[in-house]
Amino acid sequence: MFLDNSPLIKLKKRFKFVIFIGLIVGLVSLLVSLLFPLEYRADAQALIISKSRYGVDPYTVVKSAERVGENLVQVISTSDFYDKVMIQANYNLDKTKFQNISERAKRKLWQKTIQSSVVYGTGVLNISAYSTDPDQAKQLAGATVDTLASKGWEYVGGDVTIKVVNQPVVTRFPVRPNLVLNFGMGFVIGIVLSSILIIKKK
């Protein structure tokens, strides 16, 4: 009698039900994700080169580049840097989504559109641009990384050189929202919840 009421026996008897609920919740999560615009990502990289001085070891130079990169990550999200990107020559940027909205909304949208990070130990700065149009994602990433290379010194001083080392490359498929991840999370949540209900059921 005790074995028949054990959690493992209960779950084994209702295994198909647990999987079914997991699939249902996963599909609901997937459908909810599809309500949001699917965005592509374009990735580019810039190398931060701190001019080494006599007697300064390479490790210190790299750490200095990392610190500069951390500062630039914060600068990229600002309105001033946005303005510089939008006037960058040789790029056909669609500015319509940034127009006719408040300054607060524009800044928030810009921070969502362009994301950056530092690869520690290398002095490399990653730039990622998101857009529903893959070409626009590529244009935005290119304009951003070129602005860093040409105007970045204004924010960090003249002892630093910023060089574009990787031109933008666009993902083959949309990456935001992450459909596979959302389905997987929904599937797991469905399995966990249905398992709890079965175990607690007398």
Protein backbone atom coordinates (compact mmCIF):
# COMPACT_ATOMS: atom_id res chain seq x y z
CA MET A 1 0.00 0.00 0.00
CA PHE A 2 2.84 2.34 0.90
CA LEU A 3 4.59 1.64 -2.39
CA ASP A 4 1.44 2.34 -4.39
CA ASN A 5 1.22 5.82 -2.85
CA SER A 6 4.91 6.69 -3.24
CA PRO A 7 5.65 9.79 -5.37
CA LEU A 8 7.67 7.85 -7.93
CA ILE A 9 4.91 5.29 -8.46
CA LYS A 10 2.33 8.08 -8.85
CA LEU A 11 4.48 9.89 -11.41
CA LYS A 12 5.19 6.68 -13.30
CA LYS A 13 1.48 5.94 -13.59
CA ARG A 14 0.73 9.46 -14.84
CA PHE A 15 3.90 9.87 -16.93
CA LYS A 16 2.05 10.59 -20.18
CA PHE A 17 -0.14 13.18 -18.44
CA VAL A 18 2.94 14.95 -17.04
CA ILE A 19 4.57 15.11 -20.49
CA PHE A 20 1.28 16.28 -22.05
CA ILE A 21 0.94 19.15 -19.57
CA GLY A 22 4.59 20.07 -20.14
CA LEU A 23 4.00 20.25 -23.90
CA ILE A 24 0.85 22.33 -23.44
CA VAL A 25 2.54 24.88 -21.19
CA GLY A 26 5.56 24.94 -23.54
CA LEU A 27 3.34 25.63 -26.54
CA VAL A 28 1.48 28.39 -24.66
CA SER A 29 4.84 30.00 -23.82
CA LEU A 30 5.83 29.73 -27.48
CA LEU A 31 2.59 31.33 -28.67
CA VAL A 32 2.93 34.16 -26.17
CA SER A 33 6.49 34.76 -27.43
CA LEU A 34 5.20 35.02 -30.99
CA LEU A 35 3.04 37.98 -29.94
CA PHE A 36 6.25 40.03 -29.73
CA PRO A 37 8.24 41.15 -32.80
CA LEU A 38 11.00 38.73 -33.78
CA GLU A 39 14.36 40.50 -33.81
CA TYR A 40 17.67 39.63 -35.43
CA ARG A 41 21.03 40.44 -33.84
CA ALA A 42 24.16 41.81 -35.50
CA ASP A 43 27.47 41.44 -33.65
CA ALA A 44 30.62 43.52 -34.13
CA GLN A 45 33.82 43.85 -32.11
CA ALA A 46 36.23 46.67 -31.40
CA LEU A 47 39.65 46.41 -29.78
CA ILE A 48 40.65 48.96 -27.14
CA ILE A 49 44.37 49.71 -27.32
CA SER A 50 45.88 51.63 -24.44
CA LYS A 51 49.11 53.30 -25.43
CA SER A 52 51.74 51.58 -23.31
CA ARG A 53 54.26 53.70 -21.51
CA TYR A 54 57.82 52.83 -20.70
CA GLY A 55 58.04 50.42 -17.80
CA VAL A 56 54.34 49.41 -17.85
CA ASP A 57 53.85 45.64 -18.08
CA PRO A 58 51.38 44.10 -20.61
CA TYR A 59 49.01 42.93 -17.84
CA THR A 60 48.54 46.49 -16.63
CA VAL A 61 47.93 47.66 -20.19
CA VAL A 62 45.18 45.06 -20.68
CA LYS A 63 43.56 45.92 -17.34
CA SER A 64 43.61 49.57 -18.36
CA ALA A 65 41.87 48.66 -21.63
CA GLU A 66 39.25 46.72 -19.66
CA ARG A 67 38.53 49.74 -17.49
CA VAL A 68 38.19 51.93 -20.58
CA GLY A 69 35.83 49.32 -22.04
CA GLU A 70 33.66 49.39 -18.92
CA ASN A 71 33.38 53.17 -19.25
CA LEU A 72 32.48 52.91 -22.92
CA VAL A 73 29.75 50.36 -22.19
CA GLN A 74 28.07 53.03 -20.07
CA VAL A 75 28.69 55.75 -22.66
CA ILE A 76 27.14 53.74 -25.50
CA SER A 77 23.75 53.84 -23.80
CA THR A 78 23.69 57.64 -23.55
CA SER A 79 21.78 60.14 -25.68
CA ASP A 80 24.99 61.88 -26.72
CA PHE A 81 26.41 58.70 -28.19
CA TYR A 82 23.07 57.93 -29.87
CA ASP A 83 23.23 61.31 -31.62
CA LYS A 84 26.73 60.56 -32.88
CA VAL A 85 25.68 57.16 -34.23
CA MET A 86 22.69 58.59 -36.08
CA ILE A 87 24.82 61.08 -38.02
CA GLN A 88 27.44 58.49 -38.93
CA ALA A 89 28.13 58.65 -42.65
CA ASN A 90 27.79 55.72 -45.08
CA TYR A 91 24.95 54.09 -43.14
CA ASN A 92 21.26 54.03 -44.02
CA LEU A 93 19.70 54.01 -40.56
CA ASP A 94 15.96 53.85 -40.02
CA LYS A 95 15.31 56.48 -37.34
CA THR A 96 11.50 56.35 -37.41
CA LYS A 97 11.08 54.24 -34.26
CA PHE A 98 13.14 56.78 -32.29
CA GLN A 99 11.03 59.72 -33.47
CA ASN A 100 7.89 61.23 -31.91
CA ILE A 101 8.57 59.66 -28.50
CA SER A 102 9.71 61.18 -25.23
CA GLU A 103 13.39 61.46 -24.37
CA ARG A 104 12.96 58.87 -21.63
CA ALA A 105 11.29 56.41 -24.02
CA LYS A 106 13.94 57.03 -26.69
CA ARG A 107 16.77 56.39 -24.25
CA LYS A 108 15.12 53.19 -23.03
CA LEU A 109 14.57 52.00 -26.61
CA TRP A 110 18.19 52.79 -27.53
CA GLN A 111 19.48 50.79 -24.58
CA LYS A 112 17.32 47.88 -25.68
CA THR A 113 18.43 48.19 -29.31
CA ILE A 114 22.18 48.42 -28.68
CA GLN A 115 23.89 46.29 -26.06
CA SER A 116 27.60 46.06 -25.33
CA SER A 117 29.98 44.15 -23.10
CA VAL A 118 33.69 43.78 -22.42
CA VAL A 119 35.56 40.52 -23.00
CA TYR A 120 37.76 40.52 -19.92
CA GLY A 121 41.41 39.69 -20.39
CA THR A 122 41.41 40.86 -24.02
CA GLY A 123 40.35 44.52 -24.21
CA VAL A 124 37.72 43.56 -26.82
CA LEU A 125 34.36 45.33 -26.75
CA ASN A 126 31.35 43.44 -28.10
CA ILE A 127 28.58 45.42 -29.78
CA SER A 128 25.19 43.83 -30.45
CA ALA A 129 22.36 45.54 -32.34
CA TYR A 130 18.79 44.24 -32.51
CA SER A 131 16.15 44.88 -35.15
CA THR A 132 13.22 43.16 -36.82
CA ASP A 133 15.04 43.87 -40.10
CA PRO A 134 18.37 41.98 -40.34
CA ASP A 135 19.85 44.66 -42.60
CA GLN A 136 18.97 47.38 -40.08
CA ALA A 137 20.58 45.34 -37.31
CA LYS A 138 23.75 45.18 -39.40
CA GLN A 139 23.60 48.90 -40.20
CA LEU A 140 23.15 49.82 -36.53
CA ALA A 141 25.99 47.61 -35.34
CA GLY A 142 28.29 48.97 -38.05
CA ALA A 143 27.44 52.59 -37.30
CA THR A 144 27.90 52.03 -33.57
CA VAL A 145 31.28 50.33 -33.82
CA ASP A 146 32.53 52.92 -36.34
CA THR A 147 31.40 55.72 -34.02
CA LEU A 148 33.42 54.10 -31.25
CA ALA A 149 36.48 53.98 -33.48
CA SER A 150 36.16 57.60 -34.64
CA LYS A 151 34.64 59.34 -31.60
CA GLY A 152 35.41 57.07 -28.66
CA TRP A 153 38.48 59.08 -27.70
CA GLU A 154 36.20 61.97 -26.74
CA TYR A 155 34.97 59.93 -23.77
CA VAL A 156 38.19 58.27 -22.63
CA GLY A 157 40.99 60.63 -23.62
CA GLY A 158 43.72 60.63 -26.23
CA ASP A 159 45.83 57.84 -24.75
CA VAL A 160 43.49 55.20 -26.16
CA THR A 161 42.99 53.92 -29.69
CA ILE A 162 39.84 52.01 -30.65
CA LYS A 163 40.06 49.77 -33.70
CA VAL A 164 37.27 47.82 -35.40
CA VAL A 165 38.44 44.21 -35.52
CA ASN A 166 35.21 42.49 -36.64
CA GLN A 167 32.62 44.00 -38.94
CA PRO A 168 28.96 43.22 -38.16
CA VAL A 169 27.62 39.73 -38.77
CA VAL A 170 23.87 39.08 -38.58
CA THR A 171 22.30 35.98 -37.08
CA ARG A 172 20.59 33.67 -39.57
CA PHE A 173 17.45 33.42 -37.45
CA PRO A 174 15.66 35.74 -35.00
CA VAL A 175 17.15 35.62 -31.51
CA ARG A 176 14.74 37.77 -29.51
CA PRO A 177 12.50 36.57 -28.05
CA ASN A 178 14.31 33.23 -27.72
CA LEU A 179 11.61 30.82 -28.92
CA VAL A 180 13.51 27.65 -28.10
CA LEU A 181 14.39 28.84 -24.60
CA ASN A 182 10.84 30.01 -23.88
CA PHE A 183 9.36 26.71 -25.05
CA GLY A 184 11.90 24.77 -22.97
CA MET A 185 11.19 26.83 -19.86
CA GLY A 186 7.44 26.41 -20.34
CA PHE A 187 7.88 22.65 -20.82
CA VAL A 188 9.89 22.34 -17.61
CA ILE A 189 7.46 24.49 -15.63
CA GLY A 190 4.53 22.40 -16.91
CA ILE A 191 6.26 19.18 -15.87
CA VAL A 192 7.12 20.52 -12.41
CA LEU A 193 3.62 21.88 -11.72
CA SER A 194 1.83 18.75 -12.95
CA SER A 195 4.19 16.54 -10.96
CA ILE A 196 3.49 18.52 -7.79
CA LEU A 197 -0.27 18.21 -8.34
CA ILE A 198 -0.02 14.46 -8.87
CA ILE A 199 2.18 13.89 -5.82
CA LYS A 200 -0.06 15.96 -3.55
CA LYS A 201 -3.24 14.32 -4.83
CA LYS A 202 -4.50 11.67 -2.42
